Amino acid sequence: MSSKLKIIKNPDEAMYEMVSAAVEVNNRQCPCVLPSKRNEDTLCPCKAFREQTTAGECTCGRFVKVEVDA
């Protein structure tokens, strides 16, 4: 059986809430991206994380990719 990756919110509620507040302040932009580098690809969850092919947290820690049965 093969597995797929699914994006979920970080189960660490404190981390999720802290980063979510920063995303809100930054107009939905990933808080770990410099203001001069922000664009459509850096809207949270950012393109780099959406295209990530391995399980794990995004750079800012708001979301996690987990393996699920396909």
PDB file of N, CA and C in Angstrom:
ATOM      1  N   MET A   1       0.845  -1.182   0.000  1.00  0.00           N
ATOM      2  CA  MET A   1       0.000   0.000   0.000  1.00  0.00           C
ATOM      3  C   MET A   1       0.890   1.245   0.000  1.00  0.00           C
ATOM      4  N   SER A   2       0.528   2.227  -0.800  1.00  0.00           N
ATOM      5  CA  SER A   2       1.320   3.451  -0.877  1.00  0.00           C
ATOM      6  C   SER A   2       0.755   4.499   0.082  1.00  0.00           C
ATOM      7  N   SER A   3       1.573   5.479   0.374  1.00  0.00           N
ATOM      8  CA  SER A   3       1.116   6.551   1.259  1.00  0.00           C
ATOM      9  C   SER A   3       1.198   7.884   0.533  1.00  0.00           C
ATOM     10  N   LYS A   4       0.401   8.808   1.002  1.00  0.00           N
ATOM     11  CA  LYS A   4       0.319  10.157   0.464  1.00  0.00           C
ATOM     12  C   LYS A   4       0.659  11.136   1.567  1.00  0.00           C
ATOM     13  N   LEU A   5       0.964  12.362   1.204  1.00  0.00           N
ATOM     14  CA  LEU A   5       1.204  13.386   2.202  1.00  0.00           C
ATOM     15  C   LEU A   5      -0.020  14.278   2.327  1.00  0.00           C
ATOM     16  N   LYS A   6      -0.345  14.625   3.554  1.00  0.00           N
ATOM     17  CA  LYS A   6      -1.486  15.487   3.842  1.00  0.00           C
ATOM     18  C   LYS A   6      -0.994  16.621   4.735  1.00  0.00           C
ATOM     19  N   ILE A   7      -1.476  17.837   4.490  1.00  0.00           N
ATOM     20  CA  ILE A   7      -1.118  18.980   5.324  1.00  0.00           C
ATOM     21  C   ILE A   7      -2.136  19.101   6.453  1.00  0.00           C
ATOM     22  N   ILE A   8      -1.619  19.172   7.691  1.00  0.00           N
ATOM     23  CA  ILE A   8      -2.465  19.390   8.858  1.00  0.00           C
ATOM     24  C   ILE A   8      -1.896  20.553   9.669  1.00  0.00           C
ATOM     25  N   LYS A   9      -2.717  21.140  10.538  1.00  0.00           N
ATOM     26  CA  LYS A   9      -2.168  22.180  11.417  1.00  0.00           C
ATOM     27  C   LYS A   9      -1.250  21.513  12.423  1.00  0.00           C
ATOM     28  N   ASN A  10      -0.270  22.245  12.882  1.00  0.00           N
ATOM     29  CA  ASN A  10       0.683  21.714  13.849  1.00  0.00           C
ATOM     30  C   ASN A  10      -0.073  21.281  15.098  1.00  0.00           C
ATOM     31  N   PRO A  11       0.105  20.042  15.545  1.00  0.00           N
ATOM     32  CA  PRO A  11      -0.588  19.582  16.748  1.00  0.00           C
ATOM     33  C   PRO A  11      -0.141  20.298  18.027  1.00  0.00           C
ATOM     34  N   ASP A  12       0.994  20.994  17.968  1.00  0.00           N
ATOM     35  CA  ASP A  12       1.437  21.815  19.094  1.00  0.00           C
ATOM     36  C   ASP A  12       0.600  23.099  19.029  1.00  0.00           C
ATOM     37  N   GLU A  13      -0.476  23.136  19.798  1.00  0.00           N
ATOM     38  CA  GLU A  13      -1.451  24.223  19.724  1.00  0.00           C
ATOM     39  C   GLU A  13      -0.820  25.593  19.980  1.00  0.00           C
ATOM     40  N   ALA A  14       0.109  25.666  20.921  1.00  0.00           N
ATOM     41  CA  ALA A  14       0.761  26.946  21.225  1.00  0.00           C
ATOM     42  C   ALA A  14       1.552  27.449  20.017  1.00  0.00           C
ATOM     43  N   MET A  15       2.285  26.563  19.364  1.00  0.00           N
ATOM     44  CA  MET A  15       3.057  26.936  18.180  1.00  0.00           C
ATOM     45  C   MET A  15       2.116  27.369  17.064  1.00  0.00           C
ATOM     46  N   TYR A  16       1.064  26.591  16.830  1.00  0.00           N
ATOM     47  CA  TYR A  16       0.109  26.922  15.778  1.00  0.00           C
ATOM     48  C   TYR A  16      -0.501  28.296  16.013  1.00  0.00           C
ATOM     49  N   GLU A  17      -0.934  28.578  17.230  1.00  0.00           N
ATOM     50  CA  GLU A  17      -1.566  29.863  17.554  1.00  0.00           C
ATOM     51  C   GLU A  17      -0.584  31.023  17.409  1.00  0.00           C
ATOM     52  N   MET A  18       0.648  30.828  17.869  1.00  0.00           N
ATOM     53  CA  MET A  18       1.654  31.885  17.792  1.00  0.00           C
ATOM     54  C   MET A  18       1.956  32.243  16.329  1.00  0.00           C
ATOM     55  N   VAL A  19       2.175  31.231  15.503  1.00  0.00           N
ATOM     56  CA  VAL A  19       2.507  31.491  14.098  1.00  0.00           C
ATOM     57  C   VAL A  19       1.282  32.028  13.356  1.00  0.00           C
ATOM     58  N   SER A  20       0.100  31.515  13.680  1.00  0.00           N
ATOM     59  CA  SER A  20      -1.125  32.001  13.034  1.00  0.00           C
ATOM     60  C   SER A  20      -1.327  33.490  13.300  1.00  0.00           C
ATOM     61  N   ALA A  21      -1.031  33.928  14.517  1.00  0.00           N
ATOM     62  CA  ALA A  21      -1.141  35.354  14.848  1.00  0.00           C
ATOM     63  C   ALA A  21      -0.169  36.174  13.999  1.00  0.00           C
ATOM     64  N   ALA A  22       1.035  35.663  13.802  1.00  0.00           N
ATOM     65  CA  ALA A  22       2.028  36.366  12.977  1.00  0.00           C
ATOM     66  C   ALA A  22       1.585  36.403  11.513  1.00  0.00           C
ATOM     67  N   VAL A  23       0.976  35.326  11.037  1.00  0.00           N
ATOM     68  CA  VAL A  23       0.470  35.281   9.654  1.00  0.00           C
ATOM     69  C   VAL A  23      -0.623  36.331   9.478  1.00  0.00           C
ATOM     70  N   GLU A  24      -1.493  36.444  10.446  1.00  0.00           N
ATOM     71  CA  GLU A  24      -2.578  37.426  10.373  1.00  0.00           C
ATOM     72  C   GLU A  24      -2.025  38.850  10.313  1.00  0.00           C
ATOM     73  N   VAL A  25      -1.049  39.144  11.160  1.00  0.00           N
ATOM     74  CA  VAL A  25      -0.429  40.474  11.182  1.00  0.00           C
ATOM     75  C   VAL A  25       0.269  40.776   9.857  1.00  0.00           C
ATOM     76  N   ASN A  26       0.788  39.741   9.210  1.00  0.00           N
ATOM     77  CA  ASN A  26       1.540  39.901   7.961  1.00  0.00           C
ATOM     78  C   ASN A  26       0.671  39.705   6.712  1.00  0.00           C
ATOM     79  N   ASN A  27      -0.638  39.946   6.831  1.00  0.00           N
ATOM     80  CA  ASN A  27      -1.543  39.849   5.674  1.00  0.00           C
ATOM     81  C   ASN A  27      -1.464  38.500   4.968  1.00  0.00           C
ATOM     82  N   ARG A  28      -1.501  37.427   5.750  1.00  0.00           N
ATOM     83  CA  ARG A  28      -1.498  36.041   5.267  1.00  0.00           C
ATOM     84  C   ARG A  28      -0.140  35.576   4.745  1.00  0.00           C
ATOM     85  N   GLN A  29       0.865  36.420   4.871  1.00  0.00           N
ATOM     86  CA  GLN A  29       2.203  36.049   4.402  1.00  0.00           C
ATOM     87  C   GLN A  29       2.920  35.227   5.468  1.00  0.00           C
ATOM     88  N   CYS A  30       3.742  34.307   5.006  1.00  0.00           N
ATOM     89  CA  CYS A  30       4.552  33.488   5.898  1.00  0.00           C
ATOM     90  C   CYS A  30       5.451  34.421   6.723  1.00  0.00           C
ATOM     91  N   PRO A  31       5.450  34.301   8.048  1.00  0.00           N
ATOM     92  CA  PRO A  31       6.229  35.220   8.875  1.00  0.00           C
ATOM     93  C   PRO A  31       7.739  35.019   8.792  1.00  0.00           C
ATOM     94  N   CYS A  32       8.173  33.909   8.214  1.00  0.00           N
ATOM     95  CA  CYS A  32       9.613  33.664   8.128  1.00  0.00           C
ATOM     96  C   CYS A  32      10.211  34.200   6.830  1.00  0.00           C
ATOM     97  N   VAL A  33       9.406  34.909   6.028  1.00  0.00           N
ATOM     98  CA  VAL A  33       9.885  35.476   4.771  1.00  0.00           C
ATOM     99  C   VAL A  33      10.093  36.981   4.946  1.00  0.00           C
ATOM    100  N   LEU A  34      11.228  37.471   4.485  1.00  0.00           N
ATOM    101  CA  LEU A  34      11.503  38.904   4.567  1.00  0.00           C
ATOM    102  C   LEU A  34      10.466  39.692   3.770  1.00  0.00           C
ATOM    103  N   PRO A  35      10.054  40.852   4.274  1.00  0.00           N
ATOM    104  CA  PRO A  35       9.045  41.658   3.567  1.00  0.00           C
ATOM    105  C   PRO A  35       9.394  41.914   2.099  1.00  0.00           C
ATOM    106  N   SER A  36      10.650  42.120   1.782  1.00  0.00           N
ATOM    107  CA  SER A  36      11.045  42.400   0.397  1.00  0.00           C
ATOM    108  C   SER A  36      10.915  41.178  -0.518  1.00  0.00           C
ATOM    109  N   LYS A  37      10.773  39.998   0.056  1.00  0.00           N
ATOM    110  CA  LYS A  37      10.683  38.756  -0.726  1.00  0.00           C
ATOM    111  C   LYS A  37       9.257  38.224  -0.821  1.00  0.00           C
ATOM    112  N   ARG A  38       8.283  38.895  -0.201  1.00  0.00           N
ATOM    113  CA  ARG A  38       6.915  38.400  -0.157  1.00  0.00           C
ATOM    114  C   ARG A  38       6.206  38.560  -1.494  1.00  0.00           C
ATOM    115  N   ASN A  39       5.445  37.517  -1.864  1.00  0.00           N
ATOM    116  CA  ASN A  39       4.650  37.513  -3.093  1.00  0.00           C
ATOM    117  C   ASN A  39       3.578  36.433  -2.962  1.00  0.00           C
ATOM    118  N   GLU A  40       2.903  36.105  -4.034  1.00  0.00           N
ATOM    119  CA  GLU A  40       1.842  35.083  -4.004  1.00  0.00           C
ATOM    120  C   GLU A  40       2.371  33.731  -3.523  1.00  0.00           C
ATOM    121  N   ASP A  41       3.606  33.412  -3.849  1.00  0.00           N
ATOM    122  CA  ASP A  41       4.182  32.119  -3.465  1.00  0.00           C
ATOM    123  C   ASP A  41       4.482  32.017  -1.976  1.00  0.00           C
ATOM    124  N   THR A  42       4.502  33.149  -1.281  1.00  0.00           N
ATOM    125  CA  THR A  42       4.820  33.122   0.144  1.00  0.00           C
ATOM    126  C   THR A  42       3.586  33.277   1.027  1.00  0.00           C
ATOM    127  N   LEU A  43       2.388  33.214   0.418  1.00  0.00           N
ATOM    128  CA  LEU A  43       1.171  33.185   1.230  1.00  0.00           C
ATOM    129  C   LEU A  43       1.151  31.867   1.996  1.00  0.00           C
ATOM    130  N   CYS A  44       0.797  31.921   3.254  1.00  0.00           N
ATOM    131  CA  CYS A  44       0.818  30.746   4.124  1.00  0.00           C
ATOM    132  C   CYS A  44      -0.398  29.851   3.874  1.00  0.00           C
ATOM    133  N   PRO A  45      -0.210  28.547   3.678  1.00  0.00           N
ATOM    134  CA  PRO A  45       1.059  27.831   3.594  1.00  0.00           C
ATOM    135  C   PRO A  45       1.755  28.132   2.267  1.00  0.00           C
ATOM    136  N   CYS A  46       3.032  28.389   2.348  1.00  0.00           N
ATOM    137  CA  CYS A  46       3.791  28.840   1.185  1.00  0.00           C
ATOM    138  C   CYS A  46       3.932  27.744   0.119  1.00  0.00           C
ATOM    139  N   LYS A  47       4.236  28.175  -1.072  1.00  0.00           N
ATOM    140  CA  LYS A  47       4.391  27.270  -2.199  1.00  0.00           C
ATOM    141  C   LYS A  47       5.482  26.224  -1.930  1.00  0.00           C
ATOM    142  N   ALA A  48       6.580  26.654  -1.334  1.00  0.00           N
ATOM    143  CA  ALA A  48       7.673  25.719  -1.046  1.00  0.00           C
ATOM    144  C   ALA A  48       7.184  24.570  -0.170  1.00  0.00           C
ATOM    145  N   PHE A  49       6.362  24.876   0.832  1.00  0.00           N
ATOM    146  CA  PHE A  49       5.847  23.821   1.705  1.00  0.00           C
ATOM    147  C   PHE A  49       4.806  22.981   0.972  1.00  0.00           C
ATOM    148  N   ARG A  50       3.927  23.616   0.218  1.00  0.00           N
ATOM    149  CA  ARG A  50       2.910  22.849  -0.519  1.00  0.00           C
ATOM    150  C   ARG A  50       3.551  21.858  -1.477  1.00  0.00           C
ATOM    151  N   GLU A  51       4.692  22.227  -2.048  1.00  0.00           N
ATOM    152  CA  GLU A  51       5.388  21.363  -3.004  1.00  0.00           C
ATOM    153  C   GLU A  51       6.390  20.414  -2.344  1.00  0.00           C
ATOM    154  N   GLN A  52       6.583  20.537  -1.047  1.00  0.00           N
ATOM    155  CA  GLN A  52       7.504  19.666  -0.313  1.00  0.00           C
ATOM    156  C   GLN A  52       7.073  18.211  -0.481  1.00  0.00           C
ATOM    157  N   THR A  53       8.001  17.320  -0.762  1.00  0.00           N
ATOM    158  CA  THR A  53       7.679  15.918  -1.031  1.00  0.00           C
ATOM    159  C   THR A  53       7.998  14.988   0.132  1.00  0.00           C
ATOM    160  N   THR A  54       8.358  15.556   1.276  1.00  0.00           N
ATOM    161  CA  THR A  54       8.659  14.747   2.454  1.00  0.00           C
ATOM    162  C   THR A  54       7.799  15.189   3.634  1.00  0.00           C
ATOM    163  N   ALA A  55       7.581  14.274   4.564  1.00  0.00           N
ATOM    164  CA  ALA A  55       6.830  14.595   5.776  1.00  0.00           C
ATOM    165  C   ALA A  55       7.652  15.543   6.638  1.00  0.00           C
ATOM    166  N   GLY A  56       6.970  16.377   7.426  1.00  0.00           N
ATOM    167  CA  GLY A  56       7.652  17.275   8.344  1.00  0.00           C
ATOM    168  C   GLY A  56       6.981  18.629   8.419  1.00  0.00           C
ATOM    169  N   GLU A  57       7.516  19.488   9.278  1.00  0.00           N
ATOM    170  CA  GLU A  57       6.966  20.825   9.487  1.00  0.00           C
ATOM    171  C   GLU A  57       7.388  21.773   8.377  1.00  0.00           C
ATOM    172  N   CYS A  58       6.562  22.808   8.181  1.00  0.00           N
ATOM    173  CA  CYS A  58       6.975  23.901   7.310  1.00  0.00           C
ATOM    174  C   CYS A  58       8.029  24.718   8.069  1.00  0.00           C
ATOM    175  N   THR A  59       8.670  25.633   7.391  1.00  0.00           N
ATOM    176  CA  THR A  59       9.748  26.405   8.002  1.00  0.00           C
ATOM    177  C   THR A  59       9.301  27.165   9.240  1.00  0.00           C
ATOM    178  N   CYS A  60       8.116  27.772   9.199  1.00  0.00           N
ATOM    179  CA  CYS A  60       7.660  28.570  10.339  1.00  0.00           C
ATOM    180  C   CYS A  60       6.990  27.718  11.417  1.00  0.00           C
ATOM    181  N   GLY A  61       6.651  26.467  11.114  1.00  0.00           N
ATOM    182  CA  GLY A  61       6.085  25.567  12.119  1.00  0.00           C
ATOM    183  C   GLY A  61       4.575  25.613  12.263  1.00  0.00           C
ATOM    184  N   ARG A  62       3.880  26.320  11.396  1.00  0.00           N
ATOM    185  CA  ARG A  62       2.417  26.404  11.505  1.00  0.00           C
ATOM    186  C   ARG A  62       1.740  25.122  11.036  1.00  0.00           C
ATOM    187  N   PHE A  63       2.287  24.518   9.991  1.00  0.00           N
ATOM    188  CA  PHE A  63       1.689  23.312   9.419  1.00  0.00           C
ATOM    189  C   PHE A  63       2.686  22.165   9.397  1.00  0.00           C
ATOM    190  N   VAL A  64       2.139  20.949   9.267  1.00  0.00           N
ATOM    191  CA  VAL A  64       2.944  19.739   9.224  1.00  0.00           C
ATOM    192  C   VAL A  64       2.408  18.871   8.087  1.00  0.00           C
ATOM    193  N   LYS A  65       3.308  18.253   7.343  1.00  0.00           N
ATOM    194  CA  LYS A  65       2.901  17.246   6.363  1.00  0.00           C
ATOM    195  C   LYS A  65       3.089  15.886   7.010  1.00  0.00           C
ATOM    196  N   VAL A  66       2.029  15.072   6.929  1.00  0.00           N
ATOM    197  CA  VAL A  66       2.069  13.722   7.501  1.00  0.00           C
ATOM    198  C   VAL A  66       1.707  12.720   6.416  1.00  0.00           C
ATOM    199  N   GLU A  67       2.195  11.514   6.580  1.00  0.00           N
ATOM    200  CA  GLU A  67       1.879  10.446   5.629  1.00  0.00           C
ATOM    201  C   GLU A  67       0.535   9.829   6.007  1.00  0.00           C
ATOM    202  N   VAL A  68      -0.288   9.604   4.995  1.00  0.00           N
ATOM    203  CA  VAL A  68      -1.573   8.934   5.180  1.00  0.00           C
ATOM    204  C   VAL A  68      -1.677   7.835   4.135  1.00  0.00           C
ATOM    205  N   ASP A  69      -2.420   6.779   4.439  1.00  0.00           N
ATOM    206  CA  ASP A  69      -2.602   5.703   3.470  1.00  0.00           C
ATOM    207  C   ASP A  69      -3.407   6.207   2.279  1.00  0.00           C
ATOM    208  N   ALA A  70      -2.955   5.853   1.090  1.00  0.00           N
ATOM    209  CA  ALA A  70      -3.621   6.301  -0.139  1.00  0.00           C
ATOM    210  C   ALA A  70      -4.841   5.449  -0.446  1.00  0.00           C
TER     211      ALA A  70
END
